[in-house]
Amino acid sequence: MVVLDVGLPGRDGFALLEAVRARSAAGVVMLTARDGVEDRVRGLRAGSDDYLVKPFDLTELVARVDALLRRMGKLQRRTVIGDLEVTVDTGTARRGGQELTLTATEFKLLAYLAAQRDRVVTKTQILTAVWGYEDYDPNLVEVHVSALRRKLEEHGERVVHTVRGLGYTLRAPK
C-alpha cells in the first residue's frame, strides 16, 4: 500500500507512480493540492487506485485506504480478543468456540467495539458508528450493550466494560 503525494521534492509524484506501477501491484492512493480534473484523471490513468485532494480529513484517508485494502483482499477483517472472535466479512462472532446468535445491531456494535479494543468509546461515538446519528437517546446504547453483554457472558467472562462517566471498552479477560 502506497500513499503518494504528487508534489515531492526533486521528483514528480506522477513519475514515481509510473515507477511503482512498473515494479508493483501495490495499492496507491495519491494525495495532492492539485484539484483540477486533468490532474485527477492523469493520476487515475497512470495507475493510482484513488486520488484525494488536500486539505482532507484523516478519517477520510483511513477510510479510503481501508476500502482499497478490502478490495485487494488485504484488510484484516477478523479480530480475536481472548476467546472472542469477530469476523466482519462473514458477519459471525464466536466466543469460546461457540457461534453467537446476535441481531444485526448487536453484531455491528460488537464489531465496532472489537475494532476499538482496549480504547474507551463514548455513547456518542457508538451512536454515530452503529446507528449513523448522534442525536438518538443514549439509553439506546445502554440497552444494546446490556443485551450484547448477556450473550457474550453466556460463553465466558465479561469483555465489555463500563468506564463510568466516559463510555465503554472491550478488552480480553485477564
C-alpha atoms as a PDB file:
ATOM      1  CA  MET A   1       0.000   0.000   0.000  1.00  0.00           C
ATOM      2  CA  VAL A   2       1.425   3.360  -1.056  1.00  0.00           C
ATOM      3  CA  VAL A   3       0.153   6.805  -0.083  1.00  0.00           C
ATOM      4  CA  LEU A   4       1.831   9.104  -2.576  1.00  0.00           C
ATOM      5  CA  ASP A   5       1.987  12.895  -2.627  1.00  0.00           C
ATOM      6  CA  VAL A   6       2.142  14.386  -6.110  1.00  0.00           C
ATOM      7  CA  GLY A   7       4.280  17.347  -5.005  1.00  0.00           C
ATOM      8  CA  LEU A   8       7.504  15.615  -3.986  1.00  0.00           C
ATOM      9  CA  PRO A   9      10.841  17.430  -3.790  1.00  0.00           C
ATOM     10  CA  GLY A  10      13.097  16.525  -6.692  1.00  0.00           C
ATOM     11  CA  ARG A  11      10.703  14.074  -8.341  1.00  0.00           C
ATOM     12  CA  ASP A  12       7.167  14.435  -9.586  1.00  0.00           C
ATOM     13  CA  GLY A  13       4.673  12.106  -7.891  1.00  0.00           C
ATOM     14  CA  PHE A  14       3.265  11.107 -11.281  1.00  0.00           C
ATOM     15  CA  ALA A  15       6.726   9.892 -12.360  1.00  0.00           C
ATOM     16  CA  LEU A  16       7.128   7.987  -9.112  1.00  0.00           C
ATOM     17  CA  LEU A  17       3.701   6.415  -9.657  1.00  0.00           C
ATOM     18  CA  GLU A  18       4.879   5.118 -13.038  1.00  0.00           C
ATOM     19  CA  ALA A  19       7.965   3.617 -11.364  1.00  0.00           C
ATOM     20  CA  VAL A  20       5.814   1.971  -8.672  1.00  0.00           C
ATOM     21  CA  ARG A  21       3.467   0.541 -11.298  1.00  0.00           C
ATOM     22  CA  ALA A  22       6.416  -0.824 -13.302  1.00  0.00           C
ATOM     23  CA  ARG A  23       7.555  -2.870 -10.280  1.00  0.00           C
ATOM     24  CA  SER A  24       4.483  -3.486  -8.108  1.00  0.00           C
ATOM     25  CA  ALA A  25       0.759  -4.121  -7.941  1.00  0.00           C
ATOM     26  CA  ALA A  26       0.574  -2.318  -4.580  1.00  0.00           C
ATOM     27  CA  GLY A  27      -2.480  -0.186  -3.953  1.00  0.00           C
ATOM     28  CA  VAL A  28      -1.811   3.525  -4.473  1.00  0.00           C
ATOM     29  CA  VAL A  29      -3.704   6.497  -3.073  1.00  0.00           C
ATOM     30  CA  MET A  30      -2.455   9.830  -4.387  1.00  0.00           C
ATOM     31  CA  LEU A  31      -2.628  12.967  -2.244  1.00  0.00           C
ATOM     32  CA  THR A  32      -2.282  16.389  -3.763  1.00  0.00           C
ATOM     33  CA  ALA A  33      -3.264  20.018  -3.651  1.00  0.00           C
ATOM     34  CA  ARG A  34      -3.818  19.778  -7.419  1.00  0.00           C
ATOM     35  CA  ASP A  35      -7.579  19.650  -7.635  1.00  0.00           C
ATOM     36  CA  GLY A  36      -8.070  20.054 -11.364  1.00  0.00           C
ATOM     37  CA  VAL A  37      -9.967  17.369 -13.235  1.00  0.00           C
ATOM     38  CA  GLU A  38      -6.995  16.923 -15.582  1.00  0.00           C
ATOM     39  CA  ASP A  39      -4.671  16.100 -12.666  1.00  0.00           C
ATOM     40  CA  ARG A  40      -7.131  13.642 -11.120  1.00  0.00           C
ATOM     41  CA  VAL A  41      -7.680  11.901 -14.448  1.00  0.00           C
ATOM     42  CA  ARG A  42      -3.924  11.819 -15.097  1.00  0.00           C
ATOM     43  CA  GLY A  43      -3.315  10.182 -11.691  1.00  0.00           C
ATOM     44  CA  LEU A  44      -6.045   7.594 -12.165  1.00  0.00           C
ATOM     45  CA  ARG A  45      -4.996   6.786 -15.723  1.00  0.00           C
ATOM     46  CA  ALA A  46      -1.366   6.435 -14.616  1.00  0.00           C
ATOM     47  CA  GLY A  47      -2.423   3.683 -12.226  1.00  0.00           C
ATOM     48  CA  SER A  48      -3.498   5.310  -8.983  1.00  0.00           C
ATOM     49  CA  ASP A  49      -6.346   3.471  -7.281  1.00  0.00           C
ATOM     50  CA  ASP A  50      -7.678   6.605  -5.613  1.00  0.00           C
ATOM     51  CA  TYR A  51      -6.973  10.352  -5.602  1.00  0.00           C
ATOM     52  CA  LEU A  52      -7.555  12.601  -2.592  1.00  0.00           C
ATOM     53  CA  VAL A  53      -7.281  16.394  -2.745  1.00  0.00           C
ATOM     54  CA  LYS A  54      -5.741  18.433   0.088  1.00  0.00           C
ATOM     55  CA  PRO A  55      -6.891  19.562   2.534  1.00  0.00           C
ATOM     56  CA  PHE A  56      -8.538  16.323   3.606  1.00  0.00           C
ATOM     57  CA  ASP A  57      -9.749  14.790   6.826  1.00  0.00           C
ATOM     58  CA  LEU A  58      -7.534  11.995   8.153  1.00  0.00           C
ATOM     59  CA  THR A  59     -10.579   9.768   8.762  1.00  0.00           C
ATOM     60  CA  GLU A  60     -11.411  10.018   5.052  1.00  0.00           C
ATOM     61  CA  LEU A  61      -7.886   8.947   4.094  1.00  0.00           C
ATOM     62  CA  VAL A  62      -8.068   5.997   6.501  1.00  0.00           C
ATOM     63  CA  ALA A  63     -11.477   5.001   5.093  1.00  0.00           C
ATOM     64  CA  ARG A  64     -10.154   5.160   1.521  1.00  0.00           C
ATOM     65  CA  VAL A  65      -7.084   3.093   2.431  1.00  0.00           C
ATOM     66  CA  ASP A  66      -9.307   0.554   4.213  1.00  0.00           C
ATOM     67  CA  ALA A  67     -11.628   0.362   1.191  1.00  0.00           C
ATOM     68  CA  LEU A  68      -8.681  -0.171  -1.150  1.00  0.00           C
ATOM     69  CA  LEU A  69      -7.162  -2.854   1.072  1.00  0.00           C
ATOM     70  CA  ARG A  70     -10.572  -4.535   1.357  1.00  0.00           C
ATOM     71  CA  ARG A  71     -10.919  -4.600  -2.458  1.00  0.00           C
ATOM     72  CA  MET A  72      -7.435  -6.066  -2.675  1.00  0.00           C
ATOM     73  CA  GLY A  73      -8.331  -8.710  -0.087  1.00  0.00           C
ATOM     74  CA  LYS A  74      -5.596  -7.422   2.223  1.00  0.00           C
ATOM     75  CA  LEU A  75      -7.594  -5.893   5.063  1.00  0.00           C
ATOM     76  CA  GLN A  76      -7.761  -7.951   8.214  1.00  0.00           C
ATOM     77  CA  ARG A  77     -11.471  -8.358   8.791  1.00  0.00           C
ATOM     78  CA  ARG A  78     -11.147 -10.816  11.669  1.00  0.00           C
ATOM     79  CA  THR A  79     -10.453  -9.685  15.202  1.00  0.00           C
ATOM     80  CA  VAL A  80      -9.524 -12.059  18.022  1.00  0.00           C
ATOM     81  CA  ILE A  81      -9.682 -10.839  21.602  1.00  0.00           C
ATOM     82  CA  GLY A  82      -9.056 -13.621  24.089  1.00  0.00           C
ATOM     83  CA  ASP A  83     -11.629 -16.314  23.317  1.00  0.00           C
ATOM     84  CA  LEU A  84     -13.797 -13.890  21.306  1.00  0.00           C
ATOM     85  CA  GLU A  85     -13.544 -13.929  17.519  1.00  0.00           C
ATOM     86  CA  VAL A  86     -15.356 -11.371  15.341  1.00  0.00           C
ATOM     87  CA  THR A  87     -15.312 -11.868  11.565  1.00  0.00           C
ATOM     88  CA  VAL A  88     -16.787  -8.855   9.785  1.00  0.00           C
ATOM     89  CA  ASP A  89     -16.715 -10.349   6.272  1.00  0.00           C
ATOM     90  CA  THR A  90     -18.989 -13.235   7.301  1.00  0.00           C
ATOM     91  CA  GLY A  91     -20.930 -11.372   9.980  1.00  0.00           C
ATOM     92  CA  THR A  92     -20.122 -14.001  12.580  1.00  0.00           C
ATOM     93  CA  ALA A  93     -18.933 -13.918  16.153  1.00  0.00           C
ATOM     94  CA  ARG A  94     -17.684 -16.827  18.254  1.00  0.00           C
ATOM     95  CA  ARG A  95     -16.978 -16.995  21.942  1.00  0.00           C
ATOM     96  CA  GLY A  96     -15.234 -19.971  23.472  1.00  0.00           C
ATOM     97  CA  GLY A  97     -15.666 -21.810  20.167  1.00  0.00           C
ATOM     98  CA  GLN A  98     -19.444 -21.294  20.178  1.00  0.00           C
ATOM     99  CA  GLU A  99     -21.099 -19.215  17.480  1.00  0.00           C
ATOM    100  CA  LEU A 100     -23.109 -16.355  18.970  1.00  0.00           C
ATOM    101  CA  THR A 101     -26.618 -15.562  17.804  1.00  0.00           C
ATOM    102  CA  LEU A 102     -26.638 -11.784  17.509  1.00  0.00           C
ATOM    103  CA  THR A 103     -29.022  -9.318  15.925  1.00  0.00           C
ATOM    104  CA  ALA A 104     -27.608  -7.165  13.119  1.00  0.00           C
ATOM    105  CA  THR A 105     -27.329  -4.214  15.504  1.00  0.00           C
ATOM    106  CA  GLU A 106     -25.638  -6.292  18.206  1.00  0.00           C
ATOM    107  CA  PHE A 107     -23.127  -7.576  15.669  1.00  0.00           C
ATOM    108  CA  LYS A 108     -22.419  -4.075  14.382  1.00  0.00           C
ATOM    109  CA  LEU A 109     -21.940  -2.887  17.975  1.00  0.00           C
ATOM    110  CA  LEU A 110     -19.617  -5.802  18.761  1.00  0.00           C
ATOM    111  CA  ALA A 111     -17.609  -5.277  15.574  1.00  0.00           C
ATOM    112  CA  TYR A 112     -17.190  -1.585  16.404  1.00  0.00           C
ATOM    113  CA  LEU A 113     -16.119  -2.291  19.982  1.00  0.00           C
ATOM    114  CA  ALA A 114     -13.722  -5.001  18.765  1.00  0.00           C
ATOM    115  CA  ALA A 115     -12.172  -2.601  16.243  1.00  0.00           C
ATOM    116  CA  GLN A 116     -11.659  -0.129  19.104  1.00  0.00           C
ATOM    117  CA  ARG A 117     -10.384  -2.799  21.528  1.00  0.00           C
ATOM    118  CA  ASP A 118      -8.860  -1.513  24.759  1.00  0.00           C
ATOM    119  CA  ARG A 119      -9.995   2.039  23.936  1.00  0.00           C
ATOM    120  CA  VAL A 120     -12.806   3.836  25.718  1.00  0.00           C
ATOM    121  CA  VAL A 121     -15.554   4.879  23.313  1.00  0.00           C
ATOM    122  CA  THR A 122     -18.338   7.275  24.231  1.00  0.00           C
ATOM    123  CA  LYS A 123     -22.021   6.680  23.716  1.00  0.00           C
ATOM    124  CA  THR A 124     -21.986   9.380  21.039  1.00  0.00           C
ATOM    125  CA  GLN A 125     -19.183   7.598  19.172  1.00  0.00           C
ATOM    126  CA  ILE A 126     -21.146   4.348  19.368  1.00  0.00           C
ATOM    127  CA  LEU A 127     -24.353   6.050  18.211  1.00  0.00           C
ATOM    128  CA  THR A 128     -22.537   7.521  15.230  1.00  0.00           C
ATOM    129  CA  ALA A 129     -20.734   4.288  14.301  1.00  0.00           C
ATOM    130  CA  VAL A 130     -23.627   1.864  14.801  1.00  0.00           C
ATOM    131  CA  TRP A 131     -26.722   3.923  14.012  1.00  0.00           C
ATOM    132  CA  GLY A 132     -25.193   6.744  11.957  1.00  0.00           C
ATOM    133  CA  TYR A 133     -26.608   9.522  14.136  1.00  0.00           C
ATOM    134  CA  GLU A 134     -25.551  11.393  17.243  1.00  0.00           C
ATOM    135  CA  ASP A 135     -28.980  12.549  18.386  1.00  0.00           C
ATOM    136  CA  TYR A 136     -30.534   9.229  19.425  1.00  0.00           C
ATOM    137  CA  ASP A 137     -31.373   8.654  23.066  1.00  0.00           C
ATOM    138  CA  PRO A 138     -28.170   7.418  24.774  1.00  0.00           C
ATOM    139  CA  ASN A 139     -30.307   4.821  26.564  1.00  0.00           C
ATOM    140  CA  LEU A 140     -30.444   3.059  23.195  1.00  0.00           C
ATOM    141  CA  VAL A 141     -26.723   2.312  23.571  1.00  0.00           C
ATOM    142  CA  GLU A 142     -27.193   1.070  27.140  1.00  0.00           C
ATOM    143  CA  VAL A 143     -29.984  -1.303  26.115  1.00  0.00           C
ATOM    144  CA  HIS A 144     -27.958  -2.806  23.260  1.00  0.00           C
ATOM    145  CA  VAL A 145     -24.739  -3.033  25.292  1.00  0.00           C
ATOM    146  CA  SER A 146     -26.682  -4.837  28.021  1.00  0.00           C
ATOM    147  CA  ALA A 147     -28.182  -7.337  25.540  1.00  0.00           C
ATOM    148  CA  LEU A 148     -24.779  -7.901  23.928  1.00  0.00           C
ATOM    149  CA  ARG A 149     -23.149  -8.444  27.316  1.00  0.00           C
ATOM    150  CA  ARG A 150     -25.724 -11.106  28.259  1.00  0.00           C
ATOM    151  CA  LYS A 151     -24.999 -13.041  25.079  1.00  0.00           C
ATOM    152  CA  LEU A 152     -21.234 -12.718  25.451  1.00  0.00           C
ATOM    153  CA  GLU A 153     -21.263 -13.690  29.119  1.00  0.00           C
ATOM    154  CA  GLU A 154     -23.214 -16.886  28.426  1.00  0.00           C
ATOM    155  CA  HIS A 155     -19.927 -18.201  26.999  1.00  0.00           C
ATOM    156  CA  GLY A 156     -17.273 -16.591  29.198  1.00  0.00           C
ATOM    157  CA  GLU A 157     -16.150 -13.735  31.387  1.00  0.00           C
ATOM    158  CA  ARG A 158     -17.114 -10.110  30.882  1.00  0.00           C
ATOM    159  CA  VAL A 159     -15.303  -8.414  27.997  1.00  0.00           C
ATOM    160  CA  VAL A 160     -17.447  -5.272  27.552  1.00  0.00           C
ATOM    161  CA  HIS A 161     -16.778  -2.930  30.461  1.00  0.00           C
ATOM    162  CA  THR A 162     -18.368   0.336  31.508  1.00  0.00           C
ATOM    163  CA  VAL A 163     -15.990   3.210  32.186  1.00  0.00           C
ATOM    164  CA  ARG A 164     -18.064   5.469  34.425  1.00  0.00           C
ATOM    165  CA  GLY A 165     -18.674   8.911  33.005  1.00  0.00           C
ATOM    166  CA  LEU A 166     -16.861   8.081  29.771  1.00  0.00           C
ATOM    167  CA  GLY A 167     -18.351   5.114  27.907  1.00  0.00           C
ATOM    168  CA  TYR A 168     -17.423   1.515  27.169  1.00  0.00           C
ATOM    169  CA  THR A 169     -14.387  -0.557  26.342  1.00  0.00           C
ATOM    170  CA  LEU A 170     -13.903  -4.092  25.083  1.00  0.00           C
ATOM    171  CA  ARG A 171     -10.896  -5.952  26.436  1.00  0.00           C
ATOM    172  CA  ALA A 172      -9.847  -9.563  26.853  1.00  0.00           C
ATOM    173  CA  PRO A 173     -10.473 -11.146  30.242  1.00  0.00           C
ATOM    174  CA  LYS A 174      -7.420 -11.428  32.473  1.00  0.00           C
END
